[in-house]
Amino acid sequence: MTDISELPGFYAIAAADPGRLAVIDTDGTETTFGDLLTRVNQVSHGLRARGLAVGDVVAGVLPNGIDALVMVMATGQIGLYYVPINWHLTASEIAYILDDCDAKIVVTDAEHARPGSEVGTDGLAAGRPTHAPADRTAGTVMWYTSGTTGFPKGVQRKLPGATPEELVPLYFWFFGEVVDLRPGDAVHLVTSPMYHSAPCAHAQFALHFGHTVVITPRFDPVNILELVERHHVSNAMMVPTMFHRMLQLPEDVRTKYDVSSLRQVIHTAAACPVAVKQQIMSWWGPVLYEYYGSTESTIAFSVKPHDWLARPGTVGRPAPTFEAKICDENGKDLPPGEPGMIYVKSSLGSFEYRKDPAKTAASMLGEWYAPGDIGYLDDDGFLFLCDRRTDLIVSGGVNIYPAEIEAALLEHPAVADVAVIGVPDEEWGHNVVALVQPVEGATPGPELTAGLLEHCGPRIARFKQPKVIEYRAQLPRTPTGKLSRSKVRADYLAGNTSSSL
């Protein structure tokens, strides 16, 4: 087998060792590096033939599968921005992102086809050359993330202005430092939707490392264990909800599968309960690597297994190239042990929210970016999170923003006021709960609840919809008219139902 450890990434590996196994798709279909590169090159030529130039935007509404990888790697060598879009979103939510990002081409699967879209990559690839395109230059992925307004914004970074091969050594160094990943023979398991930043990025970088990528269509705890054993999976990216579900499996199921091949299981996206993480490492061994950051900051803090075991609950120290500080509400630095707003900056450069300089400026303190979370640093510089930002709900590792749900519910004629909060849940992290103040004359009860959920259907994706709707005679607001979610949440968690209907 060809030694690929010194080759600079996917495109070079595929040219030097075309028979190397690149992808095992959701249906078990196997694709070599050589065949994947052929399709990637054809799609790159196809995109250029459609008139796309450096800096243009391509979007993908694609389920987990090889086409999602093809689009990332094809746009990644011709200087395009690629926008993966959550296919669970409603048609209007998808349309908003497509309009905002100015996508010139949209690639979907058959189920999510829309007027003018490309269904799969076949049309772009058909009849196109299989060799590498000329004037190769690295593209990048532009992720859309919601803010406190509930409307998604593109997190846009400047294009590198270099070939992919010039950037790969930086990937090798960074991921080697953070999660001990190295180029060579390994197997990466995709367990989460690839329209999210971390699963997509890890699948992309796995190819650059020469690893085989095994793709699952959705998370199923038993299937994950089966795949780990069958393909001798060495690394994967997961979220804490997955750990919780796996621990709920009967003991005889858990012990049935050989997971000794696992070397790095990387988790992020939500806080992992200490007890859950300890149980997983008792089962799998000290293989859990954690990092903390955001779409905007990328990987800002990281912690390896043994450091975490020595300091349970930490999310780590600043990742390479990053600096961090904790500030009070006035922007003044706080000493170790004192909680405050987390700020980070990196020498690798900054980002901007597409078409929203005001939002970009509001998220910064000079050169420092605030992910919006509260935490403290210990004397050794390890970060401990205290809470998520006030309004954000994290359910199953996915960010959900109350303002968007409230806006949808307020469109219903029976709703006078509404507050949406996240309520702690052992499995999901948080559940979405809507507290509704009906208009005068509306009758709260099962019929109204059913009507509100039906009303939400075409407006917001199913995973954002409330799992619980309760009714209140009045919701607390500040003297300026701002909804006091902190008071609503505190009352709800305290079981204060004196204002219930």
Protein backbone atom coordinates (compact mmCIF):
# COMPACT_ATOMS: atom_id res chain seq x y z
CA MET A 1 0.00 0.00 0.00
CA THR A 2 1.24 3.50 -0.85
CA ASP A 3 2.66 5.52 2.05
CA ILE A 4 0.43 8.59 2.05
CA SER A 5 1.67 10.12 5.30
CA GLU A 6 3.68 12.82 3.52
CA LEU A 7 1.14 13.62 0.80
CA PRO A 8 -0.62 17.00 1.12
CA GLY A 9 -4.26 16.00 1.31
CA PHE A 10 -7.10 14.35 -0.56
CA TYR A 11 -6.35 15.41 -4.13
CA ALA A 12 -2.70 14.30 -3.94
CA ILE A 13 -3.57 11.06 -2.13
CA ALA A 14 -6.20 10.17 -4.75
CA ALA A 15 -3.73 10.74 -7.58
CA ALA A 16 -0.98 8.69 -5.91
CA ASP A 17 -3.13 5.85 -4.53
CA PRO A 18 -6.37 5.77 -6.56
CA GLY A 19 -7.38 2.31 -5.31
CA ARG A 20 -7.41 3.41 -1.68
CA LEU A 21 -10.90 3.13 -0.09
CA ALA A 22 -12.35 6.61 0.40
CA VAL A 23 -16.06 6.26 1.24
CA ILE A 24 -18.51 3.63 2.41
CA ASP A 25 -21.87 5.25 1.71
CA THR A 26 -25.12 4.90 3.61
CA ASP A 27 -26.18 1.93 1.47
CA GLY A 28 -22.82 0.19 1.76
CA THR A 29 -21.53 1.30 -1.65
CA GLU A 30 -17.75 1.64 -1.67
CA THR A 31 -15.89 4.38 -3.56
CA THR A 32 -12.13 4.62 -3.99
CA PHE A 33 -10.09 7.80 -3.71
CA GLY A 34 -9.47 7.66 -7.47
CA ASP A 35 -13.16 7.38 -8.37
CA LEU A 36 -14.09 10.08 -5.88
CA LEU A 37 -11.47 12.44 -7.32
CA THR A 38 -12.79 11.76 -10.83
CA ARG A 39 -16.29 12.84 -9.78
CA VAL A 40 -14.93 15.81 -7.83
CA ASN A 41 -12.94 17.02 -10.83
CA GLN A 42 -15.91 16.61 -13.16
CA VAL A 43 -18.17 18.59 -10.85
CA SER A 44 -15.51 21.32 -10.53
CA HIS A 45 -15.40 21.59 -14.33
CA GLY A 46 -19.20 21.52 -14.45
CA LEU A 47 -19.51 24.41 -12.00
CA ARG A 48 -17.05 26.49 -14.00
CA ALA A 49 -18.92 25.64 -17.19
CA ARG A 50 -22.06 27.14 -15.58
CA GLY A 51 -20.19 30.42 -15.23
CA LEU A 52 -19.17 30.27 -11.59
CA ALA A 53 -15.99 32.14 -10.69
CA VAL A 54 -13.86 32.55 -7.59
CA GLY A 55 -15.94 33.96 -4.72
CA ASP A 56 -19.31 32.78 -6.03
CA VAL A 57 -21.67 30.70 -3.89
CA VAL A 58 -23.05 27.18 -4.35
CA ALA A 59 -25.61 25.70 -1.96
CA GLY A 60 -26.47 22.10 -1.18
CA VAL A 61 -29.68 20.71 0.28
CA LEU A 62 -28.39 17.18 0.61
CA PRO A 63 -28.86 14.28 3.04
CA ASN A 64 -25.84 12.38 4.31
CA GLY A 65 -24.14 10.65 1.42
CA ILE A 66 -21.33 10.84 -1.08
CA ASP A 67 -22.83 13.81 -2.99
CA ALA A 68 -22.42 15.96 0.12
CA LEU A 69 -18.70 15.09 0.15
CA VAL A 70 -18.34 15.64 -3.60
CA MET A 71 -19.73 19.17 -3.29
CA VAL A 72 -17.39 20.12 -0.46
CA MET A 73 -14.30 18.80 -2.28
CA ALA A 74 -15.31 20.15 -5.71
CA THR A 75 -16.00 23.70 -4.53
CA GLY A 76 -12.93 23.43 -2.28
CA GLN A 77 -10.49 23.40 -5.21
CA ILE A 78 -11.97 26.18 -7.39
CA GLY A 79 -12.39 29.02 -4.91
CA LEU A 80 -16.14 28.83 -4.27
CA TYR A 81 -18.17 29.28 -1.11
CA TYR A 82 -20.26 26.20 -0.37
CA VAL A 83 -23.37 26.55 1.81
CA PRO A 84 -24.78 23.28 3.23
CA ILE A 85 -28.44 23.72 4.18
CA ASN A 86 -30.44 21.73 6.70
CA TRP A 87 -32.95 19.75 4.63
CA HIS A 88 -35.31 19.58 7.63
CA LEU A 89 -36.04 23.29 7.23
CA THR A 90 -39.29 24.44 5.66
CA ALA A 91 -39.39 25.66 2.06
CA SER A 92 -39.59 29.28 3.22
CA GLU A 93 -36.63 28.85 5.60
CA ILE A 94 -34.51 27.33 2.82
CA ALA A 95 -35.58 30.07 0.42
CA TYR A 96 -34.46 32.72 2.91
CA ILE A 97 -30.93 31.24 3.10
CA LEU A 98 -30.67 30.80 -0.66
CA ASP A 99 -31.68 34.40 -1.22
CA ASP A 100 -29.37 35.73 1.47
CA CYS A 101 -26.29 33.82 0.29
CA ASP A 102 -26.90 34.62 -3.41
CA ALA A 103 -26.41 30.99 -4.41
CA LYS A 104 -25.91 30.68 -8.17
CA ILE A 105 -26.45 26.91 -8.15
CA VAL A 106 -28.37 24.72 -5.71
CA VAL A 107 -27.75 20.97 -5.55
CA THR A 108 -30.41 18.77 -3.91
CA ASP A 109 -31.48 15.18 -3.77
CA ALA A 110 -34.69 14.08 -5.50
CA GLU A 111 -36.82 14.46 -2.38
CA HIS A 112 -35.84 18.09 -1.85
CA ALA A 113 -35.72 19.20 -5.49
CA ARG A 114 -36.84 22.76 -6.17
CA PRO A 115 -37.30 24.75 -9.38
CA GLY A 116 -33.94 25.35 -11.04
CA SER A 117 -31.96 23.07 -8.73
CA GLU A 118 -29.55 20.33 -9.75
CA VAL A 119 -30.76 16.93 -8.54
CA GLY A 120 -27.57 15.19 -7.47
CA THR A 121 -24.14 15.79 -8.98
CA ASP A 122 -24.71 13.77 -12.18
CA GLY A 123 -25.85 16.74 -14.23
CA LEU A 124 -22.85 18.84 -13.27
CA ALA A 125 -20.42 15.97 -13.89
CA ALA A 126 -21.86 14.59 -17.16
CA GLY A 127 -19.39 14.81 -20.04
CA ARG A 128 -16.88 16.91 -18.09
CA PRO A 129 -13.13 16.27 -18.01
CA THR A 130 -11.77 13.99 -15.31
CA HIS A 131 -8.44 15.80 -14.87
CA ALA A 132 -7.85 18.52 -12.32
CA PRO A 133 -9.17 21.98 -13.23
CA ALA A 134 -6.68 24.71 -14.08
CA ASP A 135 -5.82 27.54 -11.69
CA ARG A 136 -6.82 25.61 -8.59
CA THR A 137 -7.46 27.70 -5.50
CA ALA A 138 -9.03 26.76 -2.18
CA GLY A 139 -12.68 27.45 -1.52
CA THR A 140 -14.38 27.31 1.85
CA VAL A 141 -17.65 26.40 3.50
CA MET A 142 -19.94 29.22 4.62
CA TRP A 143 -22.18 28.09 7.45
CA TYR A 144 -25.48 29.70 8.27
CA THR A 145 -26.17 30.14 11.95
CA SER A 146 -29.05 31.84 13.72
CA GLY A 147 -28.59 34.76 16.07
CA THR A 148 -30.80 36.15 18.80
CA THR A 149 -33.14 37.51 16.13
CA GLY A 150 -33.78 33.97 14.97
CA PHE A 151 -32.82 34.81 11.38
CA PRO A 152 -29.81 32.86 10.07
CA LYS A 153 -26.68 34.71 8.97
CA GLY A 154 -23.81 33.39 6.92
CA VAL A 155 -20.49 33.17 8.72
CA GLN A 156 -18.13 34.24 5.96
CA ARG A 157 -14.35 34.13 5.94
CA LYS A 158 -11.97 35.47 3.33
CA LEU A 159 -10.88 32.93 0.77
CA PRO A 160 -7.33 31.73 1.50
CA GLY A 161 -5.88 32.62 -1.91
CA ALA A 162 -3.80 29.42 -1.87
CA THR A 163 -4.09 25.92 -3.28
CA PRO A 164 -5.66 23.23 -1.08
CA GLU A 165 -2.27 21.53 -0.87
CA GLU A 166 -0.71 24.66 0.63
CA LEU A 167 -3.30 24.61 3.43
CA VAL A 168 -3.23 20.90 4.32
CA PRO A 169 -0.06 21.08 6.48
CA LEU A 170 -1.90 23.54 8.72
CA TYR A 171 -4.81 21.06 9.07
CA PHE A 172 -2.38 18.26 9.92
CA TRP A 173 -0.69 20.35 12.59
CA PHE A 174 -3.89 21.74 14.13
CA PHE A 175 -5.85 18.48 14.32
CA GLY A 176 -2.75 16.64 15.46
CA GLU A 177 -2.38 19.07 18.36
CA VAL A 178 -6.07 19.14 19.28
CA VAL A 179 -7.32 15.56 18.80
CA ASP A 180 -4.22 13.49 17.98
CA LEU A 181 -5.36 12.73 14.42
CA ARG A 182 -2.64 11.80 11.93
CA PRO A 183 -2.57 11.02 8.19
CA GLY A 184 -2.48 7.35 7.31
CA ASP A 185 -4.66 4.28 7.65
CA ALA A 186 -7.75 5.01 9.74
CA VAL A 187 -11.54 4.92 9.50
CA HIS A 188 -13.79 7.89 10.31
CA LEU A 189 -17.49 7.38 11.11
CA VAL A 190 -20.01 10.11 10.26
CA THR A 191 -22.78 9.90 12.86
CA SER A 192 -24.52 13.28 12.45
CA PRO A 193 -26.14 15.29 9.65
CA MET A 194 -23.47 16.75 7.40
CA TYR A 195 -25.32 20.05 7.07
CA HIS A 196 -23.87 20.82 10.52
CA SER A 197 -20.39 22.32 10.61
CA ALA A 198 -18.49 19.80 12.76
CA PRO A 199 -19.67 16.57 11.06
CA CYS A 200 -19.04 18.03 7.61
CA ALA A 201 -15.62 19.42 8.55
CA HIS A 202 -14.48 16.17 10.14
CA ALA A 203 -15.56 14.15 7.10
CA GLN A 204 -13.73 16.57 4.80
CA PHE A 205 -10.55 16.52 6.88
CA ALA A 206 -10.72 12.72 7.17
CA LEU A 207 -10.30 12.55 3.39
CA HIS A 208 -7.34 14.93 3.58
CA PHE A 209 -5.80 12.59 6.17
CA GLY A 210 -6.33 9.63 3.83
CA HIS A 211 -8.89 8.04 6.16
CA THR A 212 -11.86 6.01 4.94
CA VAL A 213 -15.17 7.78 5.62
CA VAL A 214 -18.12 5.61 6.68
CA ILE A 215 -21.41 7.51 6.41
CA THR A 216 -24.61 6.81 8.34
CA PRO A 217 -27.93 8.32 7.21
CA ARG A 218 -28.99 9.01 10.80
CA PHE A 219 -27.96 8.18 14.32
CA ASP A 220 -29.06 4.81 15.69
CA PRO A 221 -27.12 3.59 18.73
CA VAL A 222 -27.07 -0.10 17.81
CA ASN A 223 -26.20 0.61 14.19
CA ILE A 224 -23.31 2.81 15.31
CA LEU A 225 -21.90 -0.01 17.42
CA GLU A 226 -22.35 -2.45 14.54
CA LEU A 227 -20.48 -0.14 12.15
CA VAL A 228 -17.65 0.44 14.63
CA GLU A 229 -17.11 -3.31 14.91
CA ARG A 230 -17.62 -4.11 11.21
CA HIS A 231 -15.33 -1.40 9.81
CA HIS A 232 -12.88 -1.15 12.72
CA VAL A 233 -13.73 2.53 13.11
CA SER A 234 -10.89 4.47 14.70
CA ASN A 235 -12.37 7.98 14.98
CA ALA A 236 -15.78 9.65 14.98
CA MET A 237 -17.53 12.90 15.89
CA MET A 238 -20.56 12.75 18.19
CA VAL A 239 -22.71 14.91 20.47
CA PRO A 240 -23.57 14.18 24.12
CA THR A 241 -27.16 13.13 23.34
CA MET A 242 -25.70 10.18 21.44
CA PHE A 243 -23.68 9.09 24.47
CA HIS A 244 -26.81 9.23 26.61
CA ARG A 245 -28.75 7.04 24.15
CA MET A 246 -25.96 4.49 23.96
CA LEU A 247 -25.78 4.24 27.73
CA GLN A 248 -29.51 3.46 27.78
CA LEU A 249 -28.94 0.28 25.74
CA PRO A 250 -29.28 -2.97 27.71
CA GLU A 251 -26.00 -4.25 29.10
CA ASP A 252 -26.05 -7.36 26.89
CA VAL A 253 -26.37 -5.16 23.78
CA ARG A 254 -23.56 -2.84 24.84
CA THR A 255 -21.15 -5.68 25.54
CA LYS A 256 -22.03 -7.52 22.34
CA TYR A 257 -19.96 -5.25 20.10
CA ASP A 258 -16.19 -4.83 19.90
CA VAL A 259 -15.33 -1.13 20.12
CA SER A 260 -11.63 -1.61 20.85
CA SER A 261 -10.67 -0.02 17.50
CA LEU A 262 -11.81 3.44 18.71
CA ARG A 263 -8.95 5.87 19.26
CA GLN A 264 -10.59 9.30 19.06
CA VAL A 265 -14.27 10.03 19.65
CA ILE A 266 -14.58 13.79 19.41
CA HIS A 267 -17.56 15.55 20.92
CA THR A 268 -18.80 19.12 20.84
CA ALA A 269 -22.01 21.17 20.27
CA ALA A 270 -23.39 20.92 23.82
CA ALA A 271 -22.27 20.45 27.39
CA CYS A 272 -21.74 16.80 28.29
CA PRO A 273 -22.80 15.79 31.82
CA VAL A 274 -19.76 14.67 33.78
CA ALA A 275 -21.37 11.35 34.76
CA VAL A 276 -22.24 10.53 31.13
CA LYS A 277 -18.72 11.21 29.93
CA GLN A 278 -17.21 9.16 32.73
CA GLN A 279 -19.48 6.20 31.92
CA ILE A 280 -18.60 6.30 28.22
CA MET A 281 -14.88 6.32 29.00
CA SER A 282 -15.37 3.44 31.42
CA TRP A 283 -16.94 1.56 28.50
CA TRP A 284 -14.79 2.69 25.54
CA GLY A 285 -11.62 3.66 27.34
CA PRO A 286 -10.02 7.14 27.51
CA VAL A 287 -10.87 8.07 23.93
CA LEU A 288 -13.18 11.09 24.34
CA TYR A 289 -11.73 14.32 22.99
CA GLU A 290 -13.76 17.47 23.52
CA TYR A 291 -13.67 20.90 22.02
CA TYR A 292 -15.66 24.05 22.57
CA GLY A 293 -16.28 26.86 20.14
CA SER A 294 -18.89 28.06 17.69
CA THR A 295 -19.50 28.40 13.98
CA GLU A 296 -17.90 31.83 14.22
CA SER A 297 -14.89 30.98 16.39
CA THR A 298 -14.34 27.39 15.17
CA ILE A 299 -12.40 25.25 17.68
CA ALA A 300 -11.44 27.70 20.43
CA PHE A 301 -10.83 25.33 23.38
CA SER A 302 -9.94 21.65 23.47
CA VAL A 303 -9.21 18.95 26.01
CA LYS A 304 -7.77 15.47 25.65
CA PRO A 305 -9.08 12.49 27.65
CA HIS A 306 -6.51 12.34 30.43
CA ASP A 307 -6.58 16.10 31.02
CA TRP A 308 -10.37 15.92 31.32
CA LEU A 309 -10.22 12.97 33.72
CA ALA A 310 -7.90 15.07 35.89
CA ARG A 311 -10.34 18.02 35.74
CA PRO A 312 -13.85 16.61 35.15
CA GLY A 313 -16.17 19.15 33.56
CA THR A 314 -13.59 21.29 31.79
CA VAL A 315 -13.87 22.00 28.06
CA GLY A 316 -10.13 22.57 27.88
CA ARG A 317 -7.52 25.22 27.30
CA PRO A 318 -7.30 27.55 24.30
CA ALA A 319 -6.62 25.64 21.10
CA PRO A 320 -3.48 26.42 19.09
CA THR A 321 -3.48 29.99 17.67
CA PHE A 322 -6.22 31.02 20.15
CA GLU A 323 -6.17 33.36 23.11
CA ALA A 324 -8.99 33.64 25.64
CA LYS A 325 -10.15 35.90 28.41
CA ILE A 326 -13.13 36.27 30.74
CA CYS A 327 -14.75 39.69 31.08
CA ASP A 328 -17.48 41.26 33.14
CA GLU A 329 -20.45 43.07 31.60
CA ASN A 330 -18.32 46.19 31.13
CA GLY A 331 -15.57 44.37 29.25
CA LYS A 332 -13.16 44.34 32.20
CA ASP A 333 -10.90 41.30 32.55
CA LEU A 334 -11.80 38.93 35.38
CA PRO A 335 -9.36 36.81 37.43
CA PRO A 336 -9.25 32.98 37.43
CA GLY A 337 -12.23 31.36 39.09
CA GLU A 338 -14.60 34.26 38.49
CA PRO A 339 -17.37 33.66 35.93
CA GLY A 340 -18.00 36.09 33.12
CA MET A 341 -18.44 36.39 29.37
CA ILE A 342 -16.01 34.30 27.34
CA TYR A 343 -13.97 36.10 24.67
CA VAL A 344 -11.58 34.52 22.16
CA LYS A 345 -9.36 35.55 19.26
CA SER A 346 -7.15 33.70 16.82
CA SER A 347 -4.13 34.63 14.76
CA LEU A 348 -5.66 32.68 11.86
CA GLY A 349 -8.05 35.52 11.10
CA SER A 350 -11.59 36.65 11.72
CA PHE A 351 -15.03 36.28 10.17
CA GLU A 352 -17.92 38.49 9.23
CA TYR A 353 -21.66 37.92 9.07
CA ARG A 354 -22.63 38.09 5.41
CA LYS A 355 -24.47 41.33 4.63
CA ASP A 356 -24.61 42.33 8.29
CA PRO A 357 -21.68 44.50 9.44
CA ALA A 358 -23.69 45.73 12.42
CA LYS A 359 -24.16 42.20 13.70
CA THR A 360 -20.47 41.50 13.12
CA ALA A 361 -19.48 44.56 15.13
CA ALA A 362 -21.92 43.75 17.93
CA SER A 363 -20.34 40.32 18.44
CA MET A 364 -16.86 41.74 18.94
CA LEU A 365 -14.94 43.48 21.72
CA GLY A 366 -12.16 44.98 19.66
CA GLU A 367 -10.37 41.96 18.19
CA TRP A 368 -12.12 39.59 20.60
CA TYR A 369 -15.19 37.54 19.72
CA ALA A 370 -17.83 36.55 22.28
CA PRO A 371 -19.46 33.16 21.64
CA GLY A 372 -22.14 34.32 24.09
CA ASP A 373 -21.48 31.89 26.93
CA ILE A 374 -20.60 32.36 30.56
CA GLY A 375 -17.63 30.54 32.07
CA TYR A 376 -14.46 30.83 34.10
CA LEU A 377 -10.81 29.86 33.75
CA ASP A 378 -9.03 27.98 36.49
CA ASP A 379 -5.47 28.81 37.56
CA ASP A 380 -4.06 26.56 34.82
CA GLY A 381 -6.13 28.17 32.06
CA PHE A 382 -8.75 25.41 31.73
CA LEU A 383 -12.22 26.69 30.87
CA PHE A 384 -15.34 25.61 32.73
CA LEU A 385 -18.74 26.61 31.32
CA CYS A 386 -21.41 27.89 33.69
CA ASP A 387 -24.33 28.28 31.33
CA ARG A 388 -25.29 28.90 27.76
CA ARG A 389 -26.34 32.38 26.74
CA THR A 390 -29.70 33.27 28.21
CA ASP A 391 -31.90 32.79 25.17
CA LEU A 392 -30.22 29.89 23.40
CA ILE A 393 -31.74 26.41 23.60
CA VAL A 394 -29.45 23.47 22.84
CA SER A 395 -31.43 20.31 22.14
CA GLY A 396 -29.64 17.20 20.91
CA GLY A 397 -26.57 19.30 20.12
CA VAL A 398 -28.56 21.64 17.84
CA ASN A 399 -28.94 25.37 18.53
CA ILE A 400 -32.55 26.56 18.68
CA TYR A 401 -33.43 30.22 19.06
CA PRO A 402 -36.60 31.20 20.96
CA ALA A 403 -37.26 34.43 19.05
CA GLU A 404 -37.88 32.56 15.80
CA ILE A 405 -40.41 30.22 17.44
CA GLU A 406 -42.10 33.08 19.26
CA ALA A 407 -42.43 35.01 16.00
CA ALA A 408 -44.16 32.05 14.36
CA LEU A 409 -46.59 31.51 17.26
CA LEU A 410 -47.43 35.22 17.45
CA GLU A 411 -48.77 34.99 13.90
CA HIS A 412 -51.62 32.84 15.22
CA PRO A 413 -54.73 34.91 15.91
CA ALA A 414 -55.35 33.25 19.29
CA VAL A 415 -51.90 34.21 20.70
CA ALA A 416 -51.56 37.48 22.58
CA ASP A 417 -48.08 36.86 23.91
CA VAL A 418 -45.62 33.98 24.09
CA ALA A 419 -42.36 33.04 25.76
CA VAL A 420 -40.25 30.12 24.57
CA ILE A 421 -37.70 28.60 26.92
CA GLY A 422 -35.45 25.57 27.14
CA VAL A 423 -36.22 23.15 29.94
CA PRO A 424 -33.52 20.67 31.05
CA ASP A 425 -33.99 17.16 29.71
CA GLU A 426 -31.79 14.19 30.60
CA GLU A 427 -31.58 12.86 27.04
CA TRP A 428 -31.77 15.94 24.82
CA GLY A 429 -30.07 18.50 27.02
CA HIS A 430 -33.08 20.82 26.72
CA ASN A 431 -36.62 20.61 25.42
CA VAL A 432 -38.50 23.51 23.81
CA VAL A 433 -41.39 24.73 25.95
CA ALA A 434 -43.77 27.48 24.84
CA LEU A 435 -45.74 29.45 27.43
CA VAL A 436 -48.64 31.11 25.63
CA GLN A 437 -50.87 33.96 26.73
CA PRO A 438 -54.08 33.55 24.71
CA VAL A 439 -56.08 36.49 23.42
CA GLU A 440 -59.25 37.34 25.28
CA GLY A 441 -61.98 34.89 24.34
CA ALA A 442 -59.62 32.10 23.25
CA THR A 443 -59.99 28.86 25.20
CA PRO A 444 -56.72 27.22 26.27
CA GLY A 445 -56.63 23.48 26.03
CA PRO A 446 -55.87 20.49 23.75
CA GLU A 447 -57.78 21.92 20.78
CA LEU A 448 -55.84 25.19 20.83
CA THR A 449 -52.56 23.33 21.36
CA ALA A 450 -53.22 21.17 18.31
CA GLY A 451 -54.06 24.27 16.30
CA LEU A 452 -50.85 26.03 17.35
CA LEU A 453 -48.70 23.05 16.39
CA GLU A 454 -50.46 22.78 13.04
CA HIS A 455 -49.85 26.51 12.55
CA CYS A 456 -46.10 26.02 13.21
CA GLY A 457 -45.81 23.24 10.61
CA PRO A 458 -45.12 25.30 7.47
CA ARG A 459 -43.31 28.07 9.35
CA ILE A 460 -40.55 26.40 11.35
CA ALA A 461 -38.77 23.08 11.12
CA ARG A 462 -40.11 20.23 13.21
CA PHE A 463 -37.07 20.07 15.49
CA LYS A 464 -37.72 23.68 16.53
CA GLN A 465 -41.39 23.18 17.38
CA PRO A 466 -42.40 23.13 21.06
CA LYS A 467 -42.58 19.76 22.76
CA VAL A 468 -44.77 21.32 25.43
CA ILE A 469 -47.29 24.19 25.22
CA GLU A 470 -48.70 25.62 28.42
CA TYR A 471 -50.90 28.65 28.99
CA ARG A 472 -50.43 31.71 31.15
CA ALA A 473 -52.77 34.60 32.00
CA GLN A 474 -49.86 37.05 31.80
CA LEU A 475 -46.18 36.93 30.86
CA PRO A 476 -43.59 39.12 32.64
CA ARG A 477 -42.13 42.02 30.70
CA THR A 478 -39.64 44.69 31.67
CA PRO A 479 -40.66 48.37 31.94
CA THR A 480 -39.35 48.85 28.39
CA GLY A 481 -41.60 46.05 27.12
CA LYS A 482 -38.90 43.41 26.72
CA LEU A 483 -39.93 39.86 27.55
CA SER A 484 -38.21 38.64 30.71
CA ARG A 485 -37.32 35.09 29.72
CA SER A 486 -35.17 34.68 32.82
CA LYS A 487 -38.22 35.30 35.02
CA VAL A 488 -40.37 32.97 32.89
CA ARG A 489 -37.73 30.24 33.07
CA ALA A 490 -37.19 30.63 36.80
CA ASP A 491 -40.92 30.49 37.51
CA TYR A 492 -41.41 27.46 35.30
CA LEU A 493 -38.52 25.52 36.82
CA ALA A 494 -39.70 26.45 40.30
CA GLY A 495 -43.14 25.05 39.52
CA ASN A 496 -44.80 28.43 39.95
CA THR A 497 -48.09 27.97 38.08
CA SER A 498 -50.07 30.64 39.87
CA SER A 499 -50.58 32.48 36.60
CA SER A 500 -51.57 29.34 34.69
CA LEU A 501 -54.92 29.13 32.95
